[in-house]
Amino acid sequence: MNNDTPTMHTTRDTNLDLYRGATMMYIVGFIHVIGYWINPYKSNLLSLSLFVMPMIFYISGASYALSRPKPYGQYIIGRIKRIVIPLLVYIGIHTLYNTIKGEIAPQEMIQVASRFIYEIFTDQCPENGHLWYITPYFIIAMLLPLMHHLSLRINQYGAYALLLATMVGLYFYPNYVLCYGVSTFAGLYYMRNKPYKSIVTLLLFVAGMALWIAQGRVWNIQINKFPTTLMYLSYTSCMLIIFSQPLKWLCRQVARIGFIKYMLEQYARHGYVIYLFNINVITIMHYTYYVLCEKLAPDNTYILQPMCSLTVITIATLFLMVVVGKIIEPINNLTTRICSLIYHKTLSLFTPSHKC
């Protein structure tokens, strides 16, 4: 074990909750709602705003590093409850909604839901493209205990060598797991960062961007995001290294305002559920807004101007997602209890009885 190994922390870091909440609000409010209008995906310059997703994985790594150690089997069950159960609830509600709309026949619901699950984990769901996140998130979550074990047993030079090998791998084989695995691994060092480590790492990422651009490859961040390339990893990592301290300071400052702190806490608590449902809610919000505008104020063109529409829909969506999170939470809890009951009942059928 190297000299940087810290004493295991088991207390919750409330600052991480603030960062998680702020990250989710940025994704929902800016990337998804505002992105509908300014379309940062097609502009090289505006695509520079798409740097935040690695922060989700970084926070996951940091949270794990601060958590109490658990047996791997118990950890896996916990991850299934936190990742798979809410996803199944989302798919069930999504399928039921489309059935009510008449797009799916009632007798086809199970078949459609099963196909939906398959498409999510094979990255084939264009109508729900935001769910690409599920597969790398689940895979990395399964590997996280091993990554943590490794992080405690390699020195700084081993960490640099591992990073360099990953960057080379991404250069030749762009994929989600390698890229976001780096962000998660970095999060494991949350409580043991050293300035010189950030400087050396920053130089590696700057070199990665320079190599990519020097070869005349496209540097649009959105294009490099699917699948994730060396350019995407290098750029987003540089942004997080350079702006991490200012962004942390900003989060702590705005959290002093009561209702903002409440919003950050709710987005931190329900972030995964909010991410699952936010595109559906945004679509409904756009439709509802324009229907209401046409009925209530057909002659008032101001409220239909992009800036006014954007402001109203963004604020309304941010608040509505908190409500959605609160509504879905008890449904997730009930589904978890039902699945747990089914699991234990099934297990008991195959467990030999010891009665005489």
Protein backbone atom coordinates (compact mmCIF):
# COMPACT_ATOMS: atom_id res chain seq x y z
CA MET A 1 0.00 0.00 0.00
CA ASN A 2 1.37 3.40 -0.95
CA ASN A 3 1.94 6.32 1.38
CA ASP A 4 -1.04 8.24 -0.05
CA THR A 5 -3.53 5.74 1.33
CA PRO A 6 -5.93 7.65 3.58
CA THR A 7 -7.79 6.54 6.63
CA MET A 8 -11.17 5.21 5.50
CA HIS A 9 -13.86 7.88 5.82
CA THR A 10 -17.37 6.74 6.61
CA THR A 11 -19.13 10.06 7.12
CA ARG A 12 -21.20 11.56 4.34
CA ASP A 13 -19.64 14.51 2.54
CA THR A 14 -22.49 17.00 2.11
CA ASN A 15 -20.46 18.97 -0.42
CA LEU A 16 -20.60 15.97 -2.76
CA ASP A 17 -24.39 16.17 -2.59
CA LEU A 18 -24.23 19.82 -3.62
CA TYR A 19 -21.95 19.00 -6.55
CA ARG A 20 -24.16 16.09 -7.61
CA GLY A 21 -27.29 18.24 -7.43
CA ALA A 22 -25.69 21.10 -9.36
CA THR A 23 -24.44 18.71 -12.04
CA MET A 24 -27.91 17.21 -12.52
CA MET A 25 -29.53 20.66 -12.67
CA TYR A 26 -26.99 21.70 -15.33
CA ILE A 27 -27.75 18.58 -17.37
CA VAL A 28 -31.52 19.04 -17.17
CA GLY A 29 -31.70 22.84 -17.35
CA PHE A 30 -28.92 23.62 -19.79
CA ILE A 31 -27.94 20.54 -21.77
CA HIS A 32 -31.45 19.19 -22.30
CA VAL A 33 -33.88 22.13 -22.05
CA ILE A 34 -31.77 25.02 -23.33
CA GLY A 35 -29.94 22.68 -25.67
CA TYR A 36 -33.27 22.15 -27.44
CA TRP A 37 -33.06 25.78 -28.60
CA ILE A 38 -29.40 26.66 -29.01
CA ASN A 39 -28.47 23.18 -30.26
CA PRO A 40 -24.91 22.91 -28.91
CA TYR A 41 -24.58 19.56 -30.64
CA LYS A 42 -24.07 21.03 -34.12
CA SER A 43 -21.82 23.95 -33.23
CA ASN A 44 -18.15 23.34 -32.48
CA LEU A 45 -18.03 26.35 -30.15
CA LEU A 46 -21.25 25.61 -28.27
CA SER A 47 -20.30 21.96 -27.96
CA LEU A 48 -17.62 23.08 -25.49
CA SER A 49 -20.43 23.34 -22.91
CA LEU A 50 -20.83 19.55 -22.95
CA PHE A 51 -18.19 18.85 -20.31
CA VAL A 52 -20.28 17.84 -17.34
CA MET A 53 -21.15 14.13 -17.73
CA PRO A 54 -17.76 12.87 -16.41
CA MET A 55 -18.56 14.72 -13.17
CA ILE A 56 -21.37 12.22 -12.48
CA PHE A 57 -18.87 9.38 -12.65
CA TYR A 58 -16.27 11.32 -10.64
CA ILE A 59 -18.82 11.84 -7.86
CA SER A 60 -19.71 8.14 -7.94
CA GLY A 61 -16.07 7.26 -7.39
CA ALA A 62 -15.71 9.83 -4.61
CA SER A 63 -18.87 8.60 -2.87
CA TYR A 64 -17.66 5.02 -2.99
CA ALA A 65 -14.27 5.99 -1.57
CA LEU A 66 -16.04 7.58 1.42
CA SER A 67 -18.50 4.72 1.98
CA ARG A 68 -18.22 1.84 4.42
CA PRO A 69 -16.69 -1.32 2.94
CA LYS A 70 -19.24 -4.03 2.04
CA PRO A 71 -18.98 -7.63 0.84
CA TYR A 72 -19.10 -7.67 -2.95
CA GLY A 73 -22.38 -9.62 -3.06
CA GLN A 74 -24.09 -7.11 -0.77
CA TYR A 75 -22.67 -4.26 -2.85
CA ILE A 76 -24.02 -5.80 -6.09
CA ILE A 77 -27.51 -6.16 -4.59
CA GLY A 78 -27.36 -2.50 -3.57
CA ARG A 79 -26.34 -1.40 -7.08
CA ILE A 80 -29.17 -3.44 -8.61
CA LYS A 81 -31.62 -1.71 -6.29
CA ARG A 82 -30.22 1.72 -7.12
CA ILE A 83 -29.78 1.26 -10.89
CA VAL A 84 -31.89 -1.59 -12.27
CA ILE A 85 -35.10 -1.21 -10.23
CA PRO A 86 -35.63 2.50 -11.12
CA LEU A 87 -34.89 1.65 -14.75
CA LEU A 88 -37.55 -1.08 -14.73
CA VAL A 89 -40.04 1.36 -13.19
CA TYR A 90 -39.21 3.90 -15.90
CA ILE A 91 -39.66 1.31 -18.65
CA GLY A 92 -42.97 0.19 -17.12
CA ILE A 93 -44.34 3.74 -16.92
CA HIS A 94 -43.00 4.59 -20.39
CA THR A 95 -44.61 1.47 -21.88
CA LEU A 96 -47.90 2.08 -20.06
CA TYR A 97 -47.97 5.69 -21.30
CA ASN A 98 -47.48 4.60 -24.91
CA THR A 99 -50.18 1.95 -24.46
CA ILE A 100 -52.65 4.55 -23.21
CA LYS A 101 -51.76 6.74 -26.20
CA GLY A 102 -52.63 3.80 -28.46
CA GLU A 103 -49.11 3.36 -29.83
CA ILE A 104 -48.77 -0.09 -28.25
CA ALA A 105 -51.41 -2.83 -28.10
CA PRO A 106 -52.06 -4.04 -24.51
CA GLN A 107 -51.09 -7.61 -25.35
CA GLU A 108 -47.72 -6.39 -26.66
CA MET A 109 -46.66 -4.49 -23.52
CA ILE A 110 -44.34 -7.17 -22.10
CA GLN A 111 -42.76 -7.81 -25.49
CA VAL A 112 -42.18 -4.11 -26.10
CA ALA A 113 -40.78 -3.56 -22.59
CA SER A 114 -38.40 -6.51 -23.01
CA ARG A 115 -37.20 -5.16 -26.35
CA PHE A 116 -36.74 -1.74 -24.77
CA ILE A 117 -34.44 -3.22 -22.12
CA TYR A 118 -32.42 -4.98 -24.81
CA GLU A 119 -32.13 -1.77 -26.84
CA ILE A 120 -30.95 0.24 -23.84
CA PHE A 121 -28.11 -2.16 -23.07
CA THR A 122 -27.13 -2.42 -26.74
CA ASP A 123 -27.29 1.35 -27.39
CA GLN A 124 -30.11 1.08 -29.92
CA CYS A 125 -32.80 3.37 -28.49
CA PRO A 126 -32.88 6.54 -30.66
CA GLU A 127 -36.16 7.76 -29.15
CA ASN A 128 -34.61 7.65 -25.69
CA GLY A 129 -31.04 8.51 -26.58
CA HIS A 130 -30.26 9.88 -23.12
CA LEU A 131 -30.39 6.31 -21.80
CA TRP A 132 -27.01 5.54 -23.40
CA TYR A 133 -25.71 6.43 -19.94
CA ILE A 134 -27.17 3.31 -18.31
CA THR A 135 -24.78 0.73 -19.78
CA PRO A 136 -21.43 2.38 -18.87
CA TYR A 137 -22.83 3.44 -15.51
CA PHE A 138 -23.87 -0.12 -14.67
CA ILE A 139 -20.64 -1.70 -15.93
CA ILE A 140 -18.44 0.77 -14.05
CA ALA A 141 -20.55 0.32 -10.90
CA MET A 142 -19.86 -3.43 -11.06
CA LEU A 143 -16.13 -2.77 -11.42
CA LEU A 144 -15.91 -0.02 -8.81
CA PRO A 145 -14.81 -2.20 -5.86
CA LEU A 146 -11.97 -3.61 -7.98
CA MET A 147 -11.00 -0.11 -9.11
CA HIS A 148 -10.95 1.08 -5.50
CA HIS A 149 -8.81 -1.89 -4.46
CA LEU A 150 -6.38 -1.03 -7.25
CA SER A 151 -6.28 2.69 -6.39
CA LEU A 152 -5.18 1.87 -2.84
CA ARG A 153 -2.34 -0.35 -3.99
CA ILE A 154 -0.59 1.56 -6.74
CA ASN A 155 1.68 4.54 -6.30
CA GLN A 156 1.49 7.79 -8.27
CA TYR A 157 3.68 6.45 -11.07
CA GLY A 158 1.48 3.41 -11.45
CA ALA A 159 -1.55 5.71 -11.65
CA TYR A 160 0.09 7.79 -14.38
CA ALA A 161 1.03 4.64 -16.31
CA LEU A 162 -2.54 3.36 -16.03
CA LEU A 163 -3.92 6.70 -17.24
CA LEU A 164 -1.52 6.78 -20.17
CA ALA A 165 -2.45 3.21 -21.15
CA THR A 166 -6.15 4.13 -21.01
CA MET A 167 -5.59 7.19 -23.19
CA VAL A 168 -3.77 5.03 -25.77
CA GLY A 169 -6.65 2.56 -25.63
CA LEU A 170 -9.18 5.34 -26.24
CA TYR A 171 -7.13 6.65 -29.14
CA PHE A 172 -7.47 3.34 -30.97
CA TYR A 173 -10.77 2.13 -29.52
CA PRO A 174 -13.22 4.90 -28.52
CA ASN A 175 -15.76 3.64 -25.99
CA TYR A 176 -17.74 4.74 -22.95
CA VAL A 177 -16.32 2.46 -20.27
CA LEU A 178 -12.67 3.44 -20.68
CA CYS A 179 -13.47 7.16 -20.72
CA TYR A 180 -15.85 7.27 -17.78
CA GLY A 181 -13.76 4.69 -15.96
CA VAL A 182 -10.99 7.32 -15.84
CA SER A 183 -13.42 9.85 -14.30
CA THR A 184 -14.60 7.29 -11.74
CA PHE A 185 -11.05 6.27 -10.87
CA ALA A 186 -10.14 9.93 -10.38
CA GLY A 187 -13.05 10.26 -7.96
CA LEU A 188 -11.52 7.58 -5.77
CA TYR A 189 -8.72 10.07 -5.04
CA TYR A 190 -11.21 12.72 -3.88
CA MET A 191 -9.79 12.89 -0.35
CA ARG A 192 -6.13 12.52 -1.33
CA ASN A 193 -5.54 14.91 -4.20
CA LYS A 194 -2.17 16.61 -4.48
CA PRO A 195 -1.46 19.73 -6.62
CA TYR A 196 1.42 18.13 -8.51
CA LYS A 197 -0.81 15.23 -9.46
CA SER A 198 -3.32 17.57 -11.09
CA ILE A 199 -0.58 19.41 -12.96
CA VAL A 200 0.96 16.22 -14.38
CA THR A 201 -2.47 14.85 -15.27
CA LEU A 202 -3.46 18.14 -16.88
CA LEU A 203 -0.35 18.07 -19.05
CA LEU A 204 -1.21 14.54 -20.21
CA PHE A 205 -4.69 15.62 -21.21
CA VAL A 206 -3.44 18.76 -22.97
CA ALA A 207 -1.06 16.53 -24.93
CA GLY A 208 -3.99 14.27 -25.79
CA MET A 209 -6.00 17.18 -27.20
CA ALA A 210 -2.99 18.53 -29.09
CA LEU A 211 -2.35 15.14 -30.67
CA TRP A 212 -5.99 14.81 -31.72
CA ILE A 213 -6.24 18.28 -33.25
CA ALA A 214 -2.78 18.09 -34.88
CA GLN A 215 -3.94 15.08 -36.86
CA GLY A 216 -6.80 17.13 -38.32
CA ARG A 217 -9.51 15.17 -36.53
CA VAL A 218 -12.84 16.79 -35.71
CA TRP A 219 -12.84 18.37 -32.26
CA ASN A 220 -16.60 18.93 -31.86
CA ILE A 221 -17.23 17.61 -28.34
CA GLN A 222 -20.65 16.15 -29.15
CA ILE A 223 -19.26 14.16 -32.07
CA ASN A 224 -16.43 12.91 -29.87
CA LYS A 225 -18.92 11.93 -27.17
CA PHE A 226 -20.63 9.13 -29.10
CA PRO A 227 -18.59 7.02 -28.77
CA THR A 228 -16.24 8.77 -26.38
CA THR A 229 -12.80 9.44 -27.83
CA LEU A 230 -9.44 10.59 -26.52
CA MET A 231 -10.45 14.14 -27.43
CA TYR A 232 -13.59 13.98 -25.28
CA LEU A 233 -11.74 12.50 -22.31
CA SER A 234 -8.90 15.01 -22.59
CA TYR A 235 -11.13 18.08 -22.99
CA THR A 236 -13.65 17.25 -20.25
CA SER A 237 -10.88 16.26 -17.84
CA CYS A 238 -9.03 19.54 -18.46
CA MET A 239 -12.22 21.48 -17.79
CA LEU A 240 -12.84 19.67 -14.52
CA ILE A 241 -9.24 20.07 -13.34
CA ILE A 242 -9.10 23.78 -14.18
CA PHE A 243 -12.57 24.78 -13.00
CA SER A 244 -13.18 22.30 -10.18
CA GLN A 245 -12.25 24.71 -7.38
CA PRO A 246 -14.21 27.72 -8.76
CA LEU A 247 -17.25 25.50 -9.38
CA LYS A 248 -17.03 24.00 -5.90
CA TRP A 249 -16.85 27.50 -4.41
CA LEU A 250 -19.82 28.64 -6.51
CA CYS A 251 -21.92 25.65 -5.42
CA ARG A 252 -21.24 26.35 -1.76
CA GLN A 253 -22.08 30.03 -2.16
CA VAL A 254 -25.41 29.60 -3.99
CA ALA A 255 -26.36 26.82 -1.55
CA ARG A 256 -26.63 29.52 1.13
CA ILE A 257 -29.86 30.61 -0.56
CA GLY A 258 -32.67 28.54 0.94
CA PHE A 259 -34.69 27.45 -2.08
CA ILE A 260 -31.55 26.84 -4.18
CA LYS A 261 -30.14 24.61 -1.45
CA TYR A 262 -33.46 22.75 -1.38
CA MET A 263 -33.34 22.26 -5.17
CA LEU A 264 -29.74 21.04 -5.05
CA GLU A 265 -30.60 18.57 -2.30
CA GLN A 266 -33.59 17.22 -4.23
CA TYR A 267 -31.60 16.84 -7.44
CA ALA A 268 -28.87 15.07 -5.49
CA ARG A 269 -31.36 12.71 -3.85
CA HIS A 270 -33.45 11.95 -6.95
CA GLY A 271 -30.80 12.59 -9.60
CA TYR A 272 -30.93 9.18 -11.27
CA VAL A 273 -34.72 9.14 -11.45
CA ILE A 274 -34.74 12.73 -12.71
CA TYR A 275 -32.28 11.79 -15.43
CA LEU A 276 -34.45 8.86 -16.53
CA PHE A 277 -37.64 10.90 -16.83
CA ASN A 278 -36.36 14.37 -17.76
CA ILE A 279 -36.57 14.05 -21.56
CA ASN A 280 -40.17 12.85 -21.34
CA VAL A 281 -41.11 15.71 -19.02
CA ILE A 282 -39.33 18.27 -21.22
CA THR A 283 -41.25 17.04 -24.28
CA ILE A 284 -44.54 17.33 -22.39
CA MET A 285 -43.59 20.78 -21.11
CA HIS A 286 -42.86 22.09 -24.61
CA TYR A 287 -46.16 20.77 -25.92
CA THR A 288 -48.16 22.06 -22.92
CA TYR A 289 -46.57 25.51 -23.07
CA TYR A 290 -47.44 26.11 -26.70
CA VAL A 291 -50.94 24.70 -26.38
CA LEU A 292 -51.64 26.99 -23.42
CA CYS A 293 -50.13 29.98 -25.20
CA GLU A 294 -52.31 29.45 -28.26
CA LYS A 295 -55.45 29.07 -26.14
CA LEU A 296 -54.87 31.71 -23.46
CA ALA A 297 -52.97 34.39 -25.38
CA PRO A 298 -53.22 33.77 -29.12
CA ASP A 299 -52.45 37.43 -29.98
CA ASN A 300 -49.51 37.85 -27.62
CA THR A 301 -46.48 36.97 -29.73
CA TYR A 302 -44.03 37.94 -26.98
CA ILE A 303 -44.69 34.82 -24.91
CA LEU A 304 -43.92 32.72 -27.97
CA GLN A 305 -40.52 34.34 -28.50
CA PRO A 306 -37.66 31.85 -28.01
CA MET A 307 -36.15 33.74 -25.06
CA CYS A 308 -39.42 33.93 -23.13
CA SER A 309 -40.36 30.36 -23.98
CA LEU A 310 -36.92 29.15 -23.00
CA THR A 311 -37.00 30.89 -19.61
CA VAL A 312 -40.48 29.67 -18.66
CA ILE A 313 -39.95 26.08 -19.83
CA THR A 314 -36.53 25.81 -18.16
CA ILE A 315 -37.72 27.08 -14.76
CA ALA A 316 -40.94 25.06 -14.90
CA THR A 317 -39.09 21.89 -15.87
CA LEU A 318 -36.48 22.26 -13.12
CA PHE A 319 -39.20 22.53 -10.48
CA LEU A 320 -41.42 19.86 -12.04
CA MET A 321 -38.58 17.32 -12.02
CA VAL A 322 -38.41 17.64 -8.23
CA VAL A 323 -42.09 16.68 -8.08
CA VAL A 324 -41.48 13.75 -10.44
CA GLY A 325 -38.62 12.55 -8.24
CA LYS A 326 -40.82 12.64 -5.13
CA ILE A 327 -43.65 10.78 -6.91
CA ILE A 328 -41.43 8.06 -8.35
CA GLU A 329 -39.45 7.42 -5.14
CA PRO A 330 -42.24 5.49 -3.31
CA ILE A 331 -42.97 3.54 -6.51
CA ASN A 332 -39.30 2.52 -6.67
CA ASN A 333 -39.36 1.57 -2.98
CA LEU A 334 -42.49 -0.54 -3.43
CA THR A 335 -41.04 -2.24 -6.52
CA THR A 336 -37.83 -2.97 -4.61
CA ARG A 337 -39.77 -4.60 -1.76
CA ILE A 338 -41.80 -6.71 -4.20
CA CYS A 339 -38.68 -7.83 -6.07
CA SER A 340 -36.94 -8.62 -2.77
CA LEU A 341 -39.92 -10.68 -1.62
CA ILE A 342 -40.03 -12.60 -4.89
CA TYR A 343 -36.28 -13.21 -4.69
CA HIS A 344 -36.41 -14.61 -1.14
CA LYS A 345 -39.51 -16.71 -1.87
CA THR A 346 -37.82 -18.17 -4.94
CA LEU A 347 -34.60 -18.78 -3.01
CA SER A 348 -36.50 -20.61 -0.28
CA LEU A 349 -37.92 -23.04 -2.85
CA PHE A 350 -34.41 -24.22 -3.71
CA THR A 351 -33.04 -24.18 -0.15
CA PRO A 352 -33.12 -27.59 1.57
CA SER A 353 -35.19 -27.72 4.72
CA HIS A 354 -33.35 -28.75 7.90
CA LYS A 355 -36.47 -29.91 9.74
CA CYS A 356 -36.55 -33.50 10.90
